[in-house]
Amino acid sequence: MDAKAAPKVRATLEDVAQEAQVSLATADRAVNKRPGVRAATVAKVNEAVRRLGYRPDPSAAKLARARLRRVAFLLPAGANRFVGLLSEQIQANAEWMHDQRIHADVLAVNVFNPVELAKALLAQVGQRDAVVVMALDHPVVRSAIDQLTQAGTVVITLVSDVPSSTRQHYVGINNTAAGRTAATLIGRFVGRHPAKVAIILGSLSLRDHAERYFGFNQVMAQEHPHLTVLPPLEGQDDAARNEALTTQLFALHPDLAAIYSVGAGNGGISTALCSLGRAQDTVFVGHELTPAARADLLNGTMDAVINQDAGHEIRSALRLALAQWSQEPVIADQERIRIDIYLKDNLP
């Protein structure tokens, strides 16, 4: 009598990595179609998947949630009110994270300094299962992210991306589209007469700010050539610096018609406009519906706010990390962050 055939053992991702002669992290990126893997390597991994008959194990997804996962949110240090909203949303999701066996810490970092940010990222190697970072697109930061992912840590960029790194996901709005939106709003608010427009941003080293600036200039050059866009000023997202920059702008350009605030620190611009008596005759468009921005919309200091939902972003980052650990599929539409436009007439 023939012995019963041994049951077929399900292939694992580790088996795929060994078969393709690549690291587990590389196999994971290739199987999940994430950037940072050469085409030839992807082909080797796909061939290993075919030979082994690999498919994600749903029971492994459940087991992945059995142990405590440690997540670090690396957010900008300082008084950035939108960052405060993100931190509040992390706290608001504490019960959900507890149910999912996730522990999160918020670490304040000077994201404008690439060396400090890279050091903070590298300090998470071997300490965290995932890092969510509002990142600076700089070679040393990209290298730190690559080292984290190579070590098996899930890295998700938040609000500002580093697309050439091996980060697994970016959570945030399309910043080029946001900049184009700001230009369209200012162009319509100012009208068809020649005028000057100022731009105050945190830093062009932040990819979200650079992309917004790029999109803004695209629309201004194509659709509003009668408007003169002044060279951008960097305020490091600091309200006091932005107040000083705004005061200097009007000293140099008394006929200034509009200001586009690309980043944070809008309170400083608002204070300067009010102090100079220019709050009602200067078009002012900025980002993020903070309590202060809401008040400025209602009193007419700000004309429009381009917003991204802080709660949606935090929930999306956590869901994406969870999906990465468990190898479950991601619902792209659920994770897409919308660009919201608020005037005083449609405040939620």
Protein backbone atom coordinates (compact mmCIF):
# COMPACT_ATOMS: atom_id res chain seq x y z
CA MET A 1 0.00 0.00 0.00
CA ASP A 2 1.39 3.34 -1.03
CA ALA A 3 2.12 5.83 1.70
CA LYS A 4 0.02 8.96 1.65
CA ALA A 5 1.67 11.89 -0.10
CA ALA A 6 2.97 14.52 2.31
CA PRO A 7 0.84 17.66 2.36
CA LYS A 8 2.21 20.46 0.23
CA VAL A 9 3.86 23.17 2.32
CA ARG A 10 2.78 26.70 1.40
CA ALA A 11 5.67 28.83 0.08
CA THR A 12 6.58 31.87 2.16
CA LEU A 13 8.06 35.21 1.18
CA GLU A 14 11.30 34.03 2.76
CA ASP A 15 11.26 31.10 0.32
CA VAL A 16 10.80 33.52 -2.57
CA ALA A 17 13.72 35.65 -1.38
CA GLN A 18 15.96 32.59 -1.09
CA GLU A 19 14.90 31.26 -4.49
CA ALA A 20 15.55 34.63 -6.16
CA GLN A 21 18.77 35.13 -4.15
CA VAL A 22 17.71 38.55 -2.85
CA SER A 23 17.08 39.98 0.61
CA LEU A 24 13.68 39.60 2.25
CA ALA A 25 13.16 43.38 2.06
CA THR A 26 13.89 43.38 -1.69
CA ALA A 27 11.53 40.45 -2.28
CA ASP A 28 8.84 42.27 -0.31
CA ARG A 29 9.25 45.45 -2.39
CA ALA A 30 9.20 43.51 -5.67
CA VAL A 31 6.15 41.37 -4.79
CA ASN A 32 4.20 44.45 -3.64
CA LYS A 33 5.25 46.50 -6.70
CA ARG A 34 6.94 49.27 -4.74
CA PRO A 35 9.70 51.49 -6.16
CA GLY A 36 13.43 51.07 -5.58
CA VAL A 37 13.97 47.65 -7.19
CA ARG A 38 15.73 47.17 -10.52
CA ALA A 39 13.70 45.68 -13.35
CA ALA A 40 16.03 42.67 -13.61
CA THR A 41 15.60 41.95 -9.89
CA VAL A 42 11.81 42.28 -10.15
CA ALA A 43 11.89 39.75 -12.99
CA LYS A 44 13.93 37.30 -10.83
CA VAL A 45 11.50 37.67 -7.93
CA ASN A 46 8.45 37.23 -10.19
CA GLU A 47 9.97 34.08 -11.66
CA ALA A 48 10.57 32.73 -8.14
CA VAL A 49 6.96 33.52 -7.24
CA ARG A 50 5.80 31.60 -10.33
CA ARG A 51 8.04 28.58 -9.67
CA LEU A 52 7.09 28.32 -6.01
CA GLY A 53 3.42 29.17 -6.48
CA TYR A 54 3.71 31.83 -3.80
CA ARG A 55 0.65 33.78 -2.67
CA PRO A 56 0.13 35.85 0.51
CA ASP A 57 -1.22 33.81 3.41
CA PRO A 58 -4.30 35.39 5.04
CA SER A 59 -3.57 33.53 8.28
CA ALA A 60 -0.14 35.15 8.31
CA ALA A 61 -1.89 38.52 8.20
CA LYS A 62 -3.74 37.64 11.39
CA LEU A 63 -0.59 36.39 13.07
CA ALA A 64 1.20 39.60 12.07
CA ARG A 65 -1.20 41.49 14.33
CA ALA A 66 -0.62 39.22 17.31
CA ARG A 67 2.56 40.90 18.52
CA LEU A 68 3.00 44.53 19.55
CA ARG A 69 4.23 46.76 16.75
CA ARG A 70 6.18 49.93 17.53
CA VAL A 71 5.69 53.01 15.35
CA ALA A 72 7.55 56.32 15.48
CA PHE A 73 6.06 59.50 14.03
CA LEU A 74 8.90 61.92 13.22
CA LEU A 75 7.25 65.33 13.01
CA PRO A 76 8.68 68.87 12.82
CA ALA A 77 9.68 70.50 16.08
CA GLY A 78 8.29 73.95 16.87
CA ALA A 79 4.88 75.57 17.02
CA ASN A 80 3.51 74.42 13.64
CA ARG A 81 -0.24 74.26 14.31
CA PHE A 82 -0.90 71.72 11.56
CA VAL A 83 1.70 69.43 13.11
CA GLY A 84 -0.23 69.91 16.34
CA LEU A 85 -3.37 68.70 14.56
CA LEU A 86 -1.48 65.61 13.35
CA SER A 87 -0.33 64.89 16.91
CA GLU A 88 -3.89 65.28 18.18
CA GLN A 89 -5.08 62.78 15.59
CA ILE A 90 -2.45 60.27 16.70
CA GLN A 91 -3.87 60.56 20.21
CA ALA A 92 -7.42 60.32 18.86
CA ASN A 93 -6.56 56.96 17.30
CA ALA A 94 -4.98 55.55 20.46
CA GLU A 95 -7.86 53.15 21.17
CA TRP A 96 -7.83 51.80 17.60
CA MET A 97 -4.06 51.35 17.77
CA HIS A 98 -4.42 49.49 21.07
CA ASP A 99 -6.89 47.10 19.41
CA GLN A 100 -4.46 46.57 16.53
CA ARG A 101 -1.51 45.98 18.88
CA ILE A 102 0.29 49.16 17.80
CA HIS A 103 2.25 51.46 20.10
CA ALA A 104 3.10 54.90 18.70
CA ASP A 105 5.55 57.57 19.84
CA VAL A 106 5.75 61.12 18.47
CA LEU A 107 9.30 62.46 18.12
CA ALA A 108 9.92 66.16 17.45
CA VAL A 109 12.74 66.69 14.94
CA ASN A 110 14.20 69.68 13.11
CA VAL A 111 13.13 68.54 9.63
CA PHE A 112 14.78 71.57 8.04
CA ASN A 113 18.20 70.16 8.99
CA PRO A 114 18.93 67.07 6.86
CA VAL A 115 21.73 65.81 9.11
CA GLU A 116 19.56 65.98 12.23
CA LEU A 117 16.64 64.32 10.45
CA ALA A 118 18.84 61.54 9.05
CA LYS A 119 20.31 60.94 12.51
CA ALA A 120 16.82 60.67 14.00
CA LEU A 121 15.79 58.21 11.28
CA LEU A 122 18.84 56.02 11.75
CA ALA A 123 18.22 55.93 15.49
CA GLN A 124 15.04 53.96 14.73
CA VAL A 125 16.90 51.04 13.08
CA GLY A 126 16.09 47.91 15.04
CA GLN A 127 13.86 49.90 17.39
CA ARG A 128 10.69 50.38 15.31
CA ASP A 129 8.51 48.30 13.05
CA ALA A 130 7.44 51.42 11.16
CA VAL A 131 8.48 55.06 10.88
CA VAL A 132 6.13 57.76 9.63
CA VAL A 133 8.12 60.87 8.77
CA MET A 134 7.45 64.36 7.42
CA ALA A 135 10.61 64.28 5.37
CA LEU A 136 13.15 66.51 3.70
CA ASP A 137 14.17 65.42 0.20
CA HIS A 138 17.95 65.37 0.67
CA PRO A 139 20.62 62.74 -0.14
CA VAL A 140 21.45 61.98 3.51
CA VAL A 141 17.76 61.64 4.35
CA ARG A 142 17.18 59.35 1.36
CA SER A 143 20.12 57.21 2.48
CA ALA A 144 18.74 56.97 6.01
CA ILE A 145 15.33 55.90 4.73
CA ASP A 146 16.96 53.28 2.49
CA GLN A 147 18.91 51.89 5.44
CA LEU A 148 15.72 51.69 7.50
CA THR A 149 13.80 49.77 4.85
CA GLN A 150 16.78 47.49 4.20
CA ALA A 151 16.71 46.65 7.91
CA GLY A 152 13.05 45.65 7.60
CA THR A 153 11.39 48.82 8.95
CA VAL A 154 8.34 50.10 7.09
CA VAL A 155 8.82 53.77 6.16
CA ILE A 156 5.90 56.01 5.22
CA THR A 157 6.42 59.64 4.25
CA LEU A 158 3.76 62.06 5.45
CA VAL A 159 2.78 65.41 3.83
CA SER A 160 6.24 65.81 2.22
CA ASP A 161 7.66 62.95 0.15
CA VAL A 162 11.07 61.49 -0.73
CA PRO A 163 10.03 59.57 -3.86
CA SER A 164 13.51 58.44 -4.91
CA SER A 165 13.97 56.60 -1.61
CA THR A 166 12.74 53.07 -0.90
CA ARG A 167 9.95 54.28 1.38
CA GLN A 168 6.89 52.07 1.00
CA HIS A 169 4.16 54.72 0.79
CA TYR A 170 3.55 58.46 0.64
CA VAL A 171 0.51 59.89 2.44
CA GLY A 172 -0.50 63.40 1.45
CA ILE A 173 -2.07 65.57 -1.20
CA ASN A 174 -0.78 66.18 -4.71
CA ASN A 175 1.26 69.25 -3.85
CA THR A 176 1.81 70.41 -7.41
CA ALA A 177 -1.96 70.46 -7.88
CA ALA A 178 -2.30 72.34 -4.58
CA GLY A 179 0.08 75.03 -5.81
CA ARG A 180 -1.80 75.30 -9.10
CA THR A 181 -5.03 75.66 -7.13
CA ALA A 182 -3.56 78.51 -5.09
CA ALA A 183 -2.48 80.31 -8.26
CA THR A 184 -5.94 79.99 -9.79
CA LEU A 185 -7.55 81.37 -6.65
CA ILE A 186 -5.17 84.33 -6.40
CA GLY A 187 -5.46 85.05 -10.12
CA ARG A 188 -9.25 85.26 -9.86
CA PHE A 189 -9.26 87.21 -6.61
CA VAL A 190 -6.76 89.83 -7.84
CA GLY A 191 -8.37 90.27 -11.25
CA ARG A 192 -6.98 91.32 -14.62
CA HIS A 193 -5.01 94.44 -13.63
CA PRO A 194 -1.18 94.22 -13.32
CA ALA A 195 -0.09 93.54 -9.74
CA LYS A 196 2.61 91.94 -7.57
CA VAL A 197 2.27 88.62 -5.77
CA ALA A 198 4.54 87.44 -2.94
CA ILE A 199 5.36 83.86 -1.92
CA ILE A 200 6.39 82.91 1.60
CA LEU A 201 7.37 79.28 2.14
CA GLY A 202 9.10 77.20 4.79
CA SER A 203 11.94 75.92 2.64
CA LEU A 204 12.40 74.88 -0.96
CA SER A 205 14.26 71.87 0.45
CA LEU A 206 10.90 70.48 1.58
CA ARG A 207 9.48 68.65 -1.40
CA ASP A 208 5.88 69.61 -0.65
CA HIS A 209 6.84 73.29 -0.60
CA ALA A 210 8.95 72.97 -3.76
CA GLU A 211 6.12 71.19 -5.60
CA ARG A 212 3.54 73.77 -4.52
CA TYR A 213 5.86 76.55 -5.67
CA PHE A 214 6.37 74.80 -9.00
CA GLY A 215 2.64 74.32 -9.56
CA PHE A 216 1.91 77.91 -8.55
CA ASN A 217 4.43 79.30 -11.05
CA GLN A 218 3.08 77.06 -13.82
CA VAL A 219 -0.38 78.57 -13.61
CA MET A 220 0.86 82.11 -13.04
CA ALA A 221 3.07 82.01 -16.14
CA GLN A 222 0.43 80.37 -18.34
CA GLU A 223 -2.78 82.04 -17.21
CA HIS A 224 -1.88 85.23 -15.32
CA PRO A 225 1.14 86.80 -17.06
CA HIS A 226 -0.06 90.26 -15.95
CA LEU A 227 0.81 89.29 -12.34
CA THR A 228 4.43 89.64 -11.25
CA VAL A 229 5.51 86.87 -8.88
CA LEU A 230 8.25 88.06 -6.53
CA PRO A 231 11.17 85.76 -5.56
CA PRO A 232 10.15 83.31 -2.80
CA LEU A 233 11.05 84.05 0.80
CA GLU A 234 11.85 81.25 3.27
CA GLY A 235 10.40 81.63 6.76
CA GLN A 236 11.13 78.10 8.08
CA ASP A 237 7.43 77.74 8.96
CA ASP A 238 8.04 80.13 11.87
CA ALA A 239 5.37 82.73 12.66
CA ALA A 240 7.81 85.36 13.95
CA ARG A 241 9.99 85.06 10.84
CA ASN A 242 6.94 85.22 8.58
CA GLU A 243 5.72 88.35 10.34
CA ALA A 244 9.10 90.03 9.77
CA LEU A 245 9.18 88.93 6.12
CA THR A 246 5.68 90.27 5.50
CA THR A 247 6.58 93.63 7.04
CA GLN A 248 9.69 93.81 4.84
CA LEU A 249 7.65 92.93 1.75
CA PHE A 250 5.34 95.90 2.17
CA ALA A 251 8.26 98.21 2.90
CA LEU A 252 9.79 97.22 -0.44
CA HIS A 253 6.51 96.79 -2.36
CA PRO A 254 3.77 99.07 -0.99
CA ASP A 255 1.57 98.08 -3.94
CA LEU A 256 1.71 94.35 -3.13
CA ALA A 257 -1.65 92.80 -4.01
CA ALA A 258 -1.44 89.20 -2.79
CA ILE A 259 0.47 86.72 -0.64
CA TYR A 260 0.59 82.95 -1.07
CA SER A 261 1.77 81.20 2.09
CA VAL A 262 3.07 77.80 0.97
CA GLY A 263 3.73 76.34 4.42
CA ALA A 264 2.99 77.04 8.07
CA GLY A 265 3.43 80.13 10.23
CA ASN A 266 0.39 81.88 8.76
CA GLY A 267 -0.28 83.58 12.08
CA GLY A 268 2.77 85.78 11.57
CA ILE A 269 1.56 86.91 8.15
CA SER A 270 -1.89 87.62 9.55
CA THR A 271 -0.43 89.67 12.42
CA ALA A 272 1.66 91.76 10.03
CA LEU A 273 -1.26 92.38 7.67
CA CYS A 274 -3.41 93.59 10.55
CA SER A 275 -0.63 95.76 12.02
CA LEU A 276 -0.01 97.40 8.65
CA GLY A 277 -3.71 97.96 7.96
CA ARG A 278 -3.50 95.73 4.88
CA ALA A 279 -5.66 92.81 6.04
CA GLN A 280 -8.71 93.72 3.99
CA ASP A 281 -7.07 94.86 0.74
CA THR A 282 -4.43 92.09 0.35
CA VAL A 283 -5.41 88.73 -1.08
CA PHE A 284 -4.08 86.07 1.29
CA VAL A 285 -4.20 82.35 0.45
CA GLY A 286 -2.58 79.70 2.65
CA HIS A 287 -2.68 76.07 3.70
CA GLU A 288 -4.32 74.03 6.48
CA LEU A 289 -7.56 74.82 8.26
CA THR A 290 -6.22 75.42 11.76
CA PRO A 291 -8.34 77.29 14.36
CA ALA A 292 -6.35 80.46 13.62
CA ALA A 293 -6.90 80.07 9.86
CA ARG A 294 -10.62 79.60 10.48
CA ALA A 295 -10.71 82.88 12.45
CA ASP A 296 -8.77 84.66 9.70
CA LEU A 297 -11.24 83.43 7.07
CA LEU A 298 -14.18 84.67 9.11
CA ASN A 299 -12.72 88.12 9.72
CA GLY A 300 -11.57 88.53 6.12
CA THR A 301 -7.80 88.45 6.68
CA MET A 302 -7.50 85.23 4.69
CA ASP A 303 -9.40 84.73 1.45
CA ALA A 304 -9.00 80.96 1.01
CA VAL A 305 -7.41 77.98 2.73
CA ILE A 306 -6.21 74.85 0.92
CA ASN A 307 -6.56 71.98 3.35
CA GLN A 308 -5.57 68.34 3.80
CA ASP A 309 -7.39 66.23 6.38
CA ALA A 310 -4.96 65.53 9.24
CA GLY A 311 -7.17 62.76 10.62
CA HIS A 312 -7.41 61.00 7.27
CA GLU A 313 -3.63 61.19 6.87
CA ILE A 314 -2.85 59.65 10.27
CA ARG A 315 -5.44 56.89 9.81
CA SER A 316 -4.13 56.20 6.31
CA ALA A 317 -0.51 55.99 7.47
CA LEU A 318 -1.46 53.50 10.19
CA ARG A 319 -3.59 51.40 7.82
CA LEU A 320 -0.77 51.31 5.26
CA ALA A 321 1.74 50.19 7.89
CA LEU A 322 -0.65 47.47 9.03
CA ALA A 323 -1.17 46.30 5.44
CA GLN A 324 2.58 46.25 4.89
CA TRP A 325 3.18 44.02 7.90
CA SER A 326 0.34 41.64 7.05
CA GLN A 327 0.82 41.72 3.26
CA GLU A 328 -2.83 42.57 2.81
CA PRO A 329 -3.97 44.57 -0.24
CA VAL A 330 -4.30 48.35 -0.09
CA ILE A 331 -7.48 50.07 -1.26
CA ALA A 332 -6.02 53.01 -3.19
CA ASP A 333 -9.20 55.10 -3.25
CA GLN A 334 -9.54 54.82 0.52
CA GLU A 335 -6.01 56.14 1.05
CA ARG A 336 -6.16 59.02 -1.45
CA ILE A 337 -5.91 62.39 0.35
CA ARG A 338 -8.16 65.05 -1.16
CA ILE A 339 -7.39 68.74 -1.67
CA ASP A 340 -10.09 70.73 0.14
CA ILE A 341 -10.69 74.44 -0.53
CA TYR A 342 -12.33 76.50 2.20
CA LEU A 343 -13.73 80.02 2.04
CA LYS A 344 -15.55 81.72 4.89
CA ASP A 345 -18.82 80.61 3.26
CA ASN A 346 -18.23 76.85 3.36
CA LEU A 347 -16.42 76.28 6.65
CA PRO A 348 -17.29 72.91 8.20
